[in-house]
């Protein structure tokens, strides 16, 4: 079976936690223009991603991609 990956959006972020088994927390930053003040503001969102064998360390820059839900909050895998 082939997986369709051309419509899946990848995100790039920094690993902030590796305390769980086979799971890392990735903080993804983006810039959004404020509607009132017209200034760009940095927004950060954390995602849980599957990392088999805990190969990544805190502070590393990683790329994550959506996949099927692996748990209640984990729907990304590390590329």
PDB file of N, CA and C in Angstrom:
ATOM      1  N   UNK A   1       0.848  -1.180   0.000  1.00  0.00           N
ATOM      2  CA  UNK A   1       0.000   0.000   0.000  1.00  0.00           C
ATOM      3  C   UNK A   1       0.889   1.237   0.000  1.00  0.00           C
ATOM      4  N   UNK A   2       0.560   2.208  -0.821  1.00  0.00           N
ATOM      5  CA  UNK A   2       1.330   3.433  -0.923  1.00  0.00           C
ATOM      6  C   UNK A   2       0.706   4.518  -0.062  1.00  0.00           C
ATOM      7  N   UNK A   3       1.529   5.314   0.592  1.00  0.00           N
ATOM      8  CA  UNK A   3       0.992   6.418   1.379  1.00  0.00           C
ATOM      9  C   UNK A   3       1.072   7.694   0.561  1.00  0.00           C
ATOM     10  N   UNK A   4       0.032   8.491   0.634  1.00  0.00           N
ATOM     11  CA  UNK A   4      -0.027   9.734  -0.110  1.00  0.00           C
ATOM     12  C   UNK A   4       0.572  10.838   0.756  1.00  0.00           C
ATOM     13  N   UNK A   5       1.739  11.377   0.351  1.00  0.00           N
ATOM     14  CA  UNK A   5       2.421  12.371   1.161  1.00  0.00           C
ATOM     15  C   UNK A   5       2.479  13.736   0.504  1.00  0.00           C
ATOM     16  N   UNK A   6       1.897  13.911  -0.679  1.00  0.00           N
ATOM     17  CA  UNK A   6       2.061  15.191  -1.354  1.00  0.00           C
ATOM     18  C   UNK A   6       1.210  16.303  -0.742  1.00  0.00           C
ATOM     19  N   UNK A   7       0.125  15.981  -0.021  1.00  0.00           N
ATOM     20  CA  UNK A   7      -0.716  17.002   0.579  1.00  0.00           C
ATOM     21  C   UNK A   7      -0.446  17.197   2.059  1.00  0.00           C
ATOM     22  N   UNK A   8       0.534  16.489   2.606  1.00  0.00           N
ATOM     23  CA  UNK A   8       0.797  16.597   4.035  1.00  0.00           C
ATOM     24  C   UNK A   8       1.782  17.725   4.298  1.00  0.00           C
ATOM     25  N   UNK A   9       1.412  18.630   5.188  1.00  0.00           N
ATOM     26  CA  UNK A   9       2.239  19.783   5.498  1.00  0.00           C
ATOM     27  C   UNK A   9       3.246  19.418   6.574  1.00  0.00           C
ATOM     28  N   UNK A  10       4.507  19.731   6.334  1.00  0.00           N
ATOM     29  CA  UNK A  10       5.533  19.469   7.332  1.00  0.00           C
ATOM     30  C   UNK A  10       5.775  20.732   8.149  1.00  0.00           C
ATOM     31  N   UNK A  11       6.156  20.544   9.396  1.00  0.00           N
ATOM     32  CA  UNK A  11       6.455  21.648  10.307  1.00  0.00           C
ATOM     33  C   UNK A  11       7.876  21.470  10.828  1.00  0.00           C
ATOM     34  N   UNK A  12       8.564  22.584  11.052  1.00  0.00           N
ATOM     35  CA  UNK A  12       9.923  22.547  11.574  1.00  0.00           C
ATOM     36  C   UNK A  12       9.942  23.240  12.928  1.00  0.00           C
ATOM     37  N   UNK A  13      10.578  22.603  13.898  1.00  0.00           N
ATOM     38  CA  UNK A  13      10.624  23.172  15.233  1.00  0.00           C
ATOM     39  C   UNK A  13      11.803  22.648  16.027  1.00  0.00           C
ATOM     40  N   UNK A  14      11.828  23.003  17.297  1.00  0.00           N
ATOM     41  CA  UNK A  14      12.918  22.640  18.197  1.00  0.00           C
ATOM     42  C   UNK A  14      12.389  21.679  19.252  1.00  0.00           C
ATOM     43  N   UNK A  15      13.151  20.643  19.553  1.00  0.00           N
ATOM     44  CA  UNK A  15      12.768  19.670  20.580  1.00  0.00           C
ATOM     45  C   UNK A  15      12.930  20.326  21.950  1.00  0.00           C
ATOM     46  N   UNK A  16      11.848  20.330  22.735  1.00  0.00           N
ATOM     47  CA  UNK A  16      11.901  20.939  24.066  1.00  0.00           C
ATOM     48  C   UNK A  16      11.808  19.920  25.187  1.00  0.00           C
ATOM     49  N   UNK A  17      11.358  18.689  24.894  1.00  0.00           N
ATOM     50  CA  UNK A  17      11.263  17.672  25.940  1.00  0.00           C
ATOM     51  C   UNK A  17      11.387  16.282  25.322  1.00  0.00           C
ATOM     52  N   UNK A  18      12.120  15.401  26.013  1.00  0.00           N
ATOM     53  CA  UNK A  18      12.258  14.007  25.575  1.00  0.00           C
ATOM     54  C   UNK A  18      11.995  13.060  26.738  1.00  0.00           C
ATOM     55  N   UNK A  19      11.151  13.456  27.669  1.00  0.00           N
ATOM     56  CA  UNK A  19      10.963  12.694  28.898  1.00  0.00           C
ATOM     57  C   UNK A  19      10.059  11.479  28.745  1.00  0.00           C
ATOM     58  N   UNK A  20       9.258  11.416  27.674  1.00  0.00           N
ATOM     59  CA  UNK A  20       8.338  10.300  27.485  1.00  0.00           C
ATOM     60  C   UNK A  20       8.973   9.223  26.617  1.00  0.00           C
ATOM     61  N   UNK A  21       8.487   8.014  26.726  1.00  0.00           N
ATOM     62  CA  UNK A  21       9.003   6.913  25.926  1.00  0.00           C
ATOM     63  C   UNK A  21       8.495   7.038  24.491  1.00  0.00           C
ATOM     64  N   UNK A  22       9.419   7.045  23.530  1.00  0.00           N
ATOM     65  CA  UNK A  22       9.127   7.127  22.096  1.00  0.00           C
ATOM     66  C   UNK A  22       8.339   8.369  21.710  1.00  0.00           C
ATOM     67  N   UNK A  23       8.385   9.421  22.507  1.00  0.00           N
ATOM     68  CA  UNK A  23       7.645  10.653  22.221  1.00  0.00           C
ATOM     69  C   UNK A  23       8.519  11.850  22.548  1.00  0.00           C
ATOM     70  N   UNK A  24       8.475  12.856  21.663  1.00  0.00           N
ATOM     71  CA  UNK A  24       9.163  14.113  21.945  1.00  0.00           C
ATOM     72  C   UNK A  24       8.160  15.250  21.827  1.00  0.00           C
ATOM     73  N   UNK A  25       8.467  16.360  22.492  1.00  0.00           N
ATOM     74  CA  UNK A  25       7.657  17.564  22.384  1.00  0.00           C
ATOM     75  C   UNK A  25       8.419  18.554  21.518  1.00  0.00           C
ATOM     76  N   UNK A  26       7.756  19.052  20.470  1.00  0.00           N
ATOM     77  CA  UNK A  26       8.385  19.957  19.521  1.00  0.00           C
ATOM     78  C   UNK A  26       7.661  21.294  19.581  1.00  0.00           C
ATOM     79  N   UNK A  27       8.421  22.382  19.776  1.00  0.00           N
ATOM     80  CA  UNK A  27       7.862  23.736  19.785  1.00  0.00           C
ATOM     81  C   UNK A  27       8.043  24.335  18.391  1.00  0.00           C
ATOM     82  N   UNK A  28       6.932  24.719  17.764  1.00  0.00           N
ATOM     83  CA  UNK A  28       6.953  25.296  16.422  1.00  0.00           C
ATOM     84  C   UNK A  28       6.582  26.767  16.535  1.00  0.00           C
ATOM     85  N   UNK A  29       7.463  27.636  16.019  1.00  0.00           N
ATOM     86  CA  UNK A  29       7.232  29.078  16.043  1.00  0.00           C
ATOM     87  C   UNK A  29       6.703  29.540  14.689  1.00  0.00           C
ATOM     88  N   UNK A  30       5.825  30.554  14.723  1.00  0.00           N
ATOM     89  CA  UNK A  30       5.353  31.177  13.490  1.00  0.00           C
ATOM     90  C   UNK A  30       5.080  32.641  13.784  1.00  0.00           C
ATOM     91  N   UNK A  31       5.136  33.465  12.748  1.00  0.00           N
ATOM     92  CA  UNK A  31       4.890  34.894  12.887  1.00  0.00           C
ATOM     93  C   UNK A  31       3.512  35.224  12.342  1.00  0.00           C
ATOM     94  N   UNK A  32       2.720  35.952  13.128  1.00  0.00           N
ATOM     95  CA  UNK A  32       1.352  36.312  12.774  1.00  0.00           C
ATOM     96  C   UNK A  32       1.211  37.812  12.920  1.00  0.00           C
ATOM     97  N   UNK A  33       0.542  38.430  11.963  1.00  0.00           N
ATOM     98  CA  UNK A  33       0.330  39.871  12.034  1.00  0.00           C
ATOM     99  C   UNK A  33      -0.839  40.174  12.958  1.00  0.00           C
ATOM    100  N   UNK A  34      -0.620  41.054  13.949  1.00  0.00           N
ATOM    101  CA  UNK A  34      -1.663  41.439  14.888  1.00  0.00           C
ATOM    102  C   UNK A  34      -2.683  42.315  14.174  1.00  0.00           C
ATOM    103  N   UNK A  35      -3.967  42.015  14.354  1.00  0.00           N
ATOM    104  CA  UNK A  35      -5.012  42.722  13.620  1.00  0.00           C
ATOM    105  C   UNK A  35      -5.178  44.172  14.074  1.00  0.00           C
ATOM    106  N   UNK A  36      -4.946  44.441  15.351  1.00  0.00           N
ATOM    107  CA  UNK A  36      -5.138  45.791  15.863  1.00  0.00           C
ATOM    108  C   UNK A  36      -3.906  46.669  15.656  1.00  0.00           C
ATOM    109  N   UNK A  37      -2.749  46.149  16.039  1.00  0.00           N
ATOM    110  CA  UNK A  37      -1.540  46.966  16.033  1.00  0.00           C
ATOM    111  C   UNK A  37      -0.696  46.821  14.767  1.00  0.00           C
ATOM    112  N   UNK A  38      -1.053  45.882  13.894  1.00  0.00           N
ATOM    113  CA  UNK A  38      -0.356  45.656  12.626  1.00  0.00           C
ATOM    114  C   UNK A  38       1.124  45.312  12.808  1.00  0.00           C
ATOM    115  N   UNK A  39       1.462  44.725  13.944  1.00  0.00           N
ATOM    116  CA  UNK A  39       2.828  44.281  14.188  1.00  0.00           C
ATOM    117  C   UNK A  39       2.863  42.759  14.097  1.00  0.00           C
ATOM    118  N   UNK A  40       4.028  42.227  13.758  1.00  0.00           N
ATOM    119  CA  UNK A  40       4.180  40.791  13.702  1.00  0.00           C
ATOM    120  C   UNK A  40       4.548  40.266  15.082  1.00  0.00           C
ATOM    121  N   UNK A  41       3.838  39.238  15.511  1.00  0.00           N
ATOM    122  CA  UNK A  41       4.015  38.646  16.832  1.00  0.00           C
ATOM    123  C   UNK A  41       4.412  37.187  16.646  1.00  0.00           C
ATOM    124  N   UNK A  42       5.343  36.708  17.475  1.00  0.00           N
ATOM    125  CA  UNK A  42       5.769  35.316  17.391  1.00  0.00           C
ATOM    126  C   UNK A  42       4.833  34.450  18.224  1.00  0.00           C
ATOM    127  N   UNK A  43       4.231  33.453  17.595  1.00  0.00           N
ATOM    128  CA  UNK A  43       3.352  32.498  18.276  1.00  0.00           C
ATOM    129  C   UNK A  43       4.067  31.152  18.341  1.00  0.00           C
ATOM    130  N   UNK A  44       3.968  30.481  19.471  1.00  0.00           N
ATOM    131  CA  UNK A  44       4.589  29.177  19.660  1.00  0.00           C
ATOM    132  C   UNK A  44       3.516  28.157  19.997  1.00  0.00           C
ATOM    133  N   UNK A  45       3.594  26.996  19.358  1.00  0.00           N
ATOM    134  CA  UNK A  45       2.690  25.905  19.662  1.00  0.00           C
ATOM    135  C   UNK A  45       3.511  24.629  19.822  1.00  0.00           C
ATOM    136  N   UNK A  46       3.130  23.813  20.811  1.00  0.00           N
ATOM    137  CA  UNK A  46       3.847  22.572  21.061  1.00  0.00           C
ATOM    138  C   UNK A  46       3.067  21.394  20.501  1.00  0.00           C
ATOM    139  N   UNK A  47       3.774  20.487  19.850  1.00  0.00           N
ATOM    140  CA  UNK A  47       3.198  19.274  19.292  1.00  0.00           C
ATOM    141  C   UNK A  47       3.918  18.066  19.871  1.00  0.00           C
ATOM    142  N   UNK A  48       3.179  16.981  20.088  1.00  0.00           N
ATOM    143  CA  UNK A  48       3.787  15.713  20.477  1.00  0.00           C
ATOM    144  C   UNK A  48       4.049  14.922  19.205  1.00  0.00           C
ATOM    145  N   UNK A  49       5.250  14.369  19.086  1.00  0.00           N
ATOM    146  CA  UNK A  49       5.628  13.627  17.883  1.00  0.00           C
ATOM    147  C   UNK A  49       6.243  12.293  18.270  1.00  0.00           C
ATOM    148  N   UNK A  50       6.027  11.286  17.427  1.00  0.00           N
ATOM    149  CA  UNK A  50       6.555   9.947  17.662  1.00  0.00           C
ATOM    150  C   UNK A  50       8.011   9.896  17.216  1.00  0.00           C
ATOM    151  N   UNK A  51       8.888   9.463  18.106  1.00  0.00           N
ATOM    152  CA  UNK A  51      10.314   9.321  17.824  1.00  0.00           C
ATOM    153  C   UNK A  51      10.738   7.954  18.334  1.00  0.00           C
ATOM    154  N   UNK A  52      10.707   6.962  17.458  1.00  0.00           N
ATOM    155  CA  UNK A  52      11.000   5.592  17.870  1.00  0.00           C
ATOM    156  C   UNK A  52      12.436   5.482  18.377  1.00  0.00           C
ATOM    157  N   UNK A  53      12.584   5.002  19.591  1.00  0.00           N
ATOM    158  CA  UNK A  53      13.893   4.815  20.182  1.00  0.00           C
ATOM    159  C   UNK A  53      14.482   6.046  20.826  1.00  0.00           C
ATOM    160  N   UNK A  54      13.739   7.131  20.902  1.00  0.00           N
ATOM    161  CA  UNK A  54      14.209   8.389  21.494  1.00  0.00           C
ATOM    162  C   UNK A  54      15.590   8.781  20.950  1.00  0.00           C
ATOM    163  N   UNK A  55      15.691   8.981  19.637  1.00  0.00           N
ATOM    164  CA  UNK A  55      16.964   9.298  19.005  1.00  0.00           C
ATOM    165  C   UNK A  55      17.295  10.782  19.064  1.00  0.00           C
ATOM    166  N   UNK A  56      16.317  11.646  19.256  1.00  0.00           N
ATOM    167  CA  UNK A  56      16.544  13.095  19.260  1.00  0.00           C
ATOM    168  C   UNK A  56      16.835  13.603  20.664  1.00  0.00           C
ATOM    169  N   UNK A  57      17.596  14.673  20.747  1.00  0.00           N
ATOM    170  CA  UNK A  57      17.952  15.296  22.019  1.00  0.00           C
ATOM    171  C   UNK A  57      17.306  16.675  22.108  1.00  0.00           C
ATOM    172  N   UNK A  58      17.215  17.215  23.311  1.00  0.00           N
ATOM    173  CA  UNK A  58      16.648  18.553  23.505  1.00  0.00           C
ATOM    174  C   UNK A  58      17.520  19.592  22.808  1.00  0.00           C
ATOM    175  N   UNK A  59      16.853  20.556  22.157  1.00  0.00           N
ATOM    176  CA  UNK A  59      17.564  21.613  21.453  1.00  0.00           C
ATOM    177  C   UNK A  59      17.796  21.333  19.988  1.00  0.00           C
ATOM    178  N   UNK A  60      17.583  20.096  19.543  1.00  0.00           N
ATOM    179  CA  UNK A  60      17.762  19.763  18.129  1.00  0.00           C
ATOM    180  C   UNK A  60      16.624  20.322  17.302  1.00  0.00           C
ATOM    181  N   UNK A  61      16.925  20.674  16.058  1.00  0.00           N
ATOM    182  CA  UNK A  61      15.922  21.159  15.115  1.00  0.00           C
ATOM    183  C   UNK A  61      15.404  19.956  14.330  1.00  0.00           C
ATOM    184  N   UNK A  62      14.092  19.728  14.327  1.00  0.00           N
ATOM    185  CA  UNK A  62      13.511  18.560  13.663  1.00  0.00           C
ATOM    186  C   UNK A  62      12.368  18.990  12.747  1.00  0.00           C
ATOM    187  N   UNK A  63      12.047  18.110  11.817  1.00  0.00           N
ATOM    188  CA  UNK A  63      10.897  18.288  10.936  1.00  0.00           C
ATOM    189  C   UNK A  63       9.889  17.202  11.267  1.00  0.00           C
ATOM    190  N   UNK A  64       8.626  17.604  11.457  1.00  0.00           N
ATOM    191  CA  UNK A  64       7.578  16.643  11.785  1.00  0.00           C
ATOM    192  C   UNK A  64       6.513  16.662  10.696  1.00  0.00           C
ATOM    193  N   UNK A  65       5.821  15.535  10.572  1.00  0.00           N
ATOM    194  CA  UNK A  65       4.815  15.363   9.535  1.00  0.00           C
ATOM    195  C   UNK A  65       3.589  14.690  10.135  1.00  0.00           C
ATOM    196  N   UNK A  66       2.386  15.100   9.722  1.00  0.00           N
ATOM    197  CA  UNK A  66       1.177  14.471  10.273  1.00  0.00           C
ATOM    198  C   UNK A  66       1.067  12.995   9.891  1.00  0.00           C
ATOM    199  N   UNK A  67       0.438  12.225  10.764  1.00  0.00           N
ATOM    200  CA  UNK A  67       0.188  10.803  10.501  1.00  0.00           C
ATOM    201  C   UNK A  67      -1.108  10.421  11.199  1.00  0.00           C
ATOM    202  N   UNK A  68      -1.416   9.163  11.210  1.00  0.00           N
ATOM    203  CA  UNK A  68      -2.621   8.703  11.898  1.00  0.00           C
ATOM    204  C   UNK A  68      -2.475   8.960  13.385  1.00  0.00           C
ATOM    205  N   UNK A  69      -3.558   9.135  14.122  1.00  0.00           N
ATOM    206  CA  UNK A  69      -3.435   9.356  15.569  1.00  0.00           C
ATOM    207  C   UNK A  69      -2.824   8.146  16.266  1.00  0.00           C
ATOM    208  N   UNK A  70      -1.751   8.369  17.006  1.00  0.00           N
ATOM    209  CA  UNK A  70      -1.088   7.294  17.741  1.00  0.00           C
ATOM    210  C   UNK A  70      -1.547   7.241  19.189  1.00  0.00           C
ATOM    211  N   UNK A  71      -2.058   8.350  19.703  1.00  0.00           N
ATOM    212  CA  UNK A  71      -2.621   8.403  21.040  1.00  0.00           C
ATOM    213  C   UNK A  71      -3.582   9.588  21.070  1.00  0.00           C
ATOM    214  N   UNK A  72      -4.002   9.971  22.255  1.00  0.00           N
ATOM    215  CA  UNK A  72      -4.969  11.059  22.374  1.00  0.00           C
ATOM    216  C   UNK A  72      -4.425  12.368  21.808  1.00  0.00           C
ATOM    217  N   UNK A  73      -3.156  12.674  22.049  1.00  0.00           N
ATOM    218  CA  UNK A  73      -2.579  13.953  21.628  1.00  0.00           C
ATOM    219  C   UNK A  73      -1.478  13.836  20.584  1.00  0.00           C
ATOM    220  N   UNK A  74      -1.054  12.643  20.247  1.00  0.00           N
ATOM    221  CA  UNK A  74       0.107  12.462  19.364  1.00  0.00           C
ATOM    222  C   UNK A  74      -0.345  12.094  17.960  1.00  0.00           C
ATOM    223  N   UNK A  75      -0.187  13.031  16.980  1.00  0.00           N
ATOM    224  CA  UNK A  75      -0.532  12.747  15.586  1.00  0.00           C
ATOM    225  C   UNK A  75       0.558  13.152  14.612  1.00  0.00           C
ATOM    226  N   UNK A  76       1.810  13.204  15.057  1.00  0.00           N
ATOM    227  CA  UNK A  76       2.931  13.580  14.193  1.00  0.00           C
ATOM    228  C   UNK A  76       4.043  12.565  14.347  1.00  0.00           C
ATOM    229  N   UNK A  77       4.856  12.436  13.288  1.00  0.00           N
ATOM    230  CA  UNK A  77       6.056  11.603  13.339  1.00  0.00           C
ATOM    231  C   UNK A  77       7.252  12.453  12.942  1.00  0.00           C
ATOM    232  N   UNK A  78       8.426  12.081  13.425  1.00  0.00           N
ATOM    233  CA  UNK A  78       9.652  12.794  13.092  1.00  0.00           C
ATOM    234  C   UNK A  78      10.167  12.260  11.766  1.00  0.00           C
ATOM    235  N   UNK A  79      10.547  13.167  10.875  1.00  0.00           N
ATOM    236  CA  UNK A  79      11.109  12.767   9.578  1.00  0.00           C
ATOM    237  C   UNK A  79      12.620  12.700   9.721  1.00  0.00           C
TER     238      UNK A  79
END
